Each structure stands twice: as structure tokens, then as C-alpha cells.
C-alpha atoms as a PDB file:
ATOM      1  CA  MET A   1     130.781  44.699-109.302  1.00  0.00           C
ATOM      2  CA  LEU A   2     127.796  43.693-109.706  1.00  0.00           C
ATOM      3  CA  HIS A   3     126.819  41.033-106.879  1.00  0.00           C
ATOM      4  CA  ALA A   4     123.862  37.921-107.493  1.00  0.00           C
ATOM      5  CA  ALA A   5     121.946  38.433-104.948  1.00  0.00           C
ATOM      6  CA  MET A   6     120.982  34.516-102.701  1.00  0.00           C
ATOM      7  CA  GLN A   7     117.572  33.826-104.252  1.00  0.00           C
ATOM      8  CA  GLN A   8     115.050  31.937-102.213  1.00  0.00           C
ATOM      9  CA  PRO A   9     113.586  28.818-104.823  1.00  0.00           C
ATOM     10  CA  SER A  10     111.514  29.331-107.559  1.00  0.00           C
ATOM     11  CA  GLY A  11     108.246  29.092-106.003  1.00  0.00           C
ATOM     12  CA  VAL A  12     108.758  29.046-101.808  1.00  0.00           C
ATOM     13  CA  PRO A  13     106.717  31.365 -99.955  1.00  0.00           C
ATOM     14  CA  MET A  14     109.256  33.808 -98.072  1.00  0.00           C
ATOM     15  CA  PRO A  15     108.049  33.707 -94.403  1.00  0.00           C
ATOM     16  CA  VAL A  16     106.739  37.223 -93.037  1.00  0.00           C
ATOM     17  CA  GLY A  17     106.688  38.396 -89.763  1.00  0.00           C
ATOM     18  CA  ARG A  18     105.002  40.442 -88.222  1.00  0.00           C
ATOM     19  CA  SER A  19     107.767  43.326 -86.084  1.00  0.00           C
ATOM     20  CA  GLY A  20     109.016  45.362 -87.907  1.00  0.00           C
ATOM     21  CA  ARG A  21     112.306  44.136 -89.352  1.00  0.00           C
ATOM     22  CA  VAL A  22     113.033  43.234 -92.894  1.00  0.00           C
ATOM     23  CA  VAL A  23     116.032  40.618 -92.541  1.00  0.00           C
ATOM     24  CA  VAL A  24     117.126  39.637 -96.591  1.00  0.00           C
ATOM     25  CA  GLU A  25     120.028  37.005 -96.819  1.00  0.00           C
ATOM     26  CA  ILE A  26     122.841  38.011 -99.320  1.00  0.00           C
ATOM     27  CA  ASP A  27     126.772  37.235-100.249  1.00  0.00           C
ATOM     28  CA  PRO A  28     129.195  38.351 -97.766  1.00  0.00           C
ATOM     29  CA  ASP A  29     131.467  40.651-100.030  1.00  0.00           C
ATOM     30  CA  LEU A  30     127.715  42.992-101.443  1.00  0.00           C
ATOM     31  CA  LYS A  31     126.695  43.365 -98.549  1.00  0.00           C
ATOM     32  CA  LYS A  32     130.765  44.873 -98.064  1.00  0.00           C
ATOM     33  CA  GLU A  33     130.412  46.593-101.020  1.00  0.00           C
ATOM     34  CA  LEU A  34     127.014  48.254-100.107  1.00  0.00           C
ATOM     35  CA  TYR A  35     128.146  48.868 -96.974  1.00  0.00           C
ATOM     36  CA  ALA A  36     131.324  50.843 -97.595  1.00  0.00           C
ATOM     37  CA  ALA A  37     129.326  52.537-100.754  1.00  0.00           C
ATOM     38  CA  LEU A  38     126.476  53.772 -98.700  1.00  0.00           C
ATOM     39  CA  ASP A  39     129.312  54.659 -96.541  1.00  0.00           C
ATOM     40  CA  ARG A  40     130.761  57.762 -99.042  1.00  0.00           C
ATOM     41  CA  ASP A  41     127.885  58.849 -99.900  1.00  0.00           C
ATOM     42  CA  GLY A  42     126.141  59.594 -96.423  1.00  0.00           C
ATOM     43  CA  VAL A  43     123.287  57.120 -96.567  1.00  0.00           C
ATOM     44  CA  THR A  44     122.530  54.364 -93.082  1.00  0.00           C
ATOM     45  CA  LEU A  45     121.065  51.481 -94.451  1.00  0.00           C
ATOM     46  CA  LYS A  46     118.160  51.565 -93.155  1.00  0.00           C
ATOM     47  CA  GLN A  47     117.137  54.377 -94.847  1.00  0.00           C
ATOM     48  CA  TRP A  48     118.268  53.611 -98.188  1.00  0.00           C
ATOM     49  CA  PHE A  49     115.639  50.916 -98.133  1.00  0.00           C
ATOM     50  CA  LEU A  50     113.803  53.086 -97.016  1.00  0.00           C
ATOM     51  CA  ASP A  51     113.534  55.700 -99.727  1.00  0.00           C
ATOM     52  CA  ASN A  52     114.051  52.552-102.457  1.00  0.00           C
ATOM     53  CA  ALA A  53     111.225  51.383-101.117  1.00  0.00           C
ATOM     54  CA  ASN A  54     109.123  53.423-100.669  1.00  0.00           C
ATOM     55  CA  GLU A  55     109.764  54.602-104.802  1.00  0.00           C
ATOM     56  CA  TYR A  56     109.133  51.312-105.557  1.00  0.00           C
ATOM     57  CA  LEU A  57     105.928  51.158-103.909  1.00  0.00           C
ATOM     58  CA  ARG A  58     104.915  54.803-105.493  1.00  0.00           C
ATOM     59  CA  ASP A  59     105.734  53.561-108.514  1.00  0.00           C
ATOM     60  CA  ARG A  60     104.548  50.599-109.386  1.00  0.00           C
ATOM     61  CA  GLY A  61     101.205  51.602-109.580  1.00  0.00           C
ATOM     62  CA  GLN A  62     101.377  54.393-112.527  1.00  0.00           C
ATOM     63  CA  LEU A  63     101.585  53.857-115.901  1.00  0.00           C
ATOM     64  CA  THR A  64     104.060  55.512-118.544  1.00  0.00           C
ATOM     65  CA  LEU A  65     102.633  57.952-121.331  1.00  0.00           C
ATOM     66  CA  LYS A  66     104.345  58.751-123.965  1.00  0.00           C
ATOM     67  CA  LEU A  67     105.292  62.447-124.099  1.00  0.00           C
ATOM     68  CA  MET A  68     105.521  63.867-128.369  1.00  0.00           C
ATOM     69  CA  VAL A  69     108.370  65.659-128.121  1.00  0.00           C
ATOM     70  CA  ALA A  70     108.708  68.622-130.512  1.00  0.00           C
ATOM     71  CA  ASP A  71     112.243  70.301-131.610  1.00  0.00           C
ATOM     72  CA  GLY A  72     111.626  72.072-135.459  1.00  0.00           C
ATOM     73  CA  ASP A  73     109.808  70.688-138.598  1.00  0.00           C
ATOM     74  CA  ASP A  74     107.890  67.676-138.922  1.00  0.00           C
ATOM     75  CA  GLU A  75     110.958  64.699-139.787  1.00  0.00           C
ATOM     76  CA  ASP A  76     112.331  65.881-136.094  1.00  0.00           C
ATOM     77  CA  ARG A  77     109.396  65.541-134.440  1.00  0.00           C
ATOM     78  CA  ARG A  78     109.534  61.430-131.854  1.00  0.00           C
ATOM     79  CA  TYR A  79     108.253  59.837-128.837  1.00  0.00           C
ATOM     80  CA  GLY A  80     110.897  60.446-126.515  1.00  0.00           C
END
């Protein structure tokens, strides 16, 4: 089930403190579902967040590059 996250009104900056803590207010049902899924996968919320945050930061500066895929005849050549 997908849930809508509680969001700060558009244009209102979120406070950013100096500690290493991140505080996010979300729907309680989403929180329960997320913790259950992470528990089934044997992952903590902290590890899941750090993995996804690092991937996001690593990939956000990357440009996508379309490569030509050749599988046989000229008609089969396409961008993938």
C-alpha cells in the first residue's frame, strides 16, 4: 500500500539543525508498514536510510547516457 507522506507546505523551508539526527514526520500507518518491511528484510531504518541517501547523492550528478544496442540486423538496432 502506498501512503502520502506528510509534507511541509510548499515554499516553507524545513529546519536544519547541527546534530546528526534527521527527523521526518510521516503517516503512522506508513511508518508501521515501513518498519515491518524492513524487519522482514533484516535491515534497520538507519541502514536503509543511509544506503538510499548515499545512492541518491552519488547518482544525482550523473548524466544518463543512451548507448546503441546492436543485436543482429540493422532493423534490430535501437537505443536502450
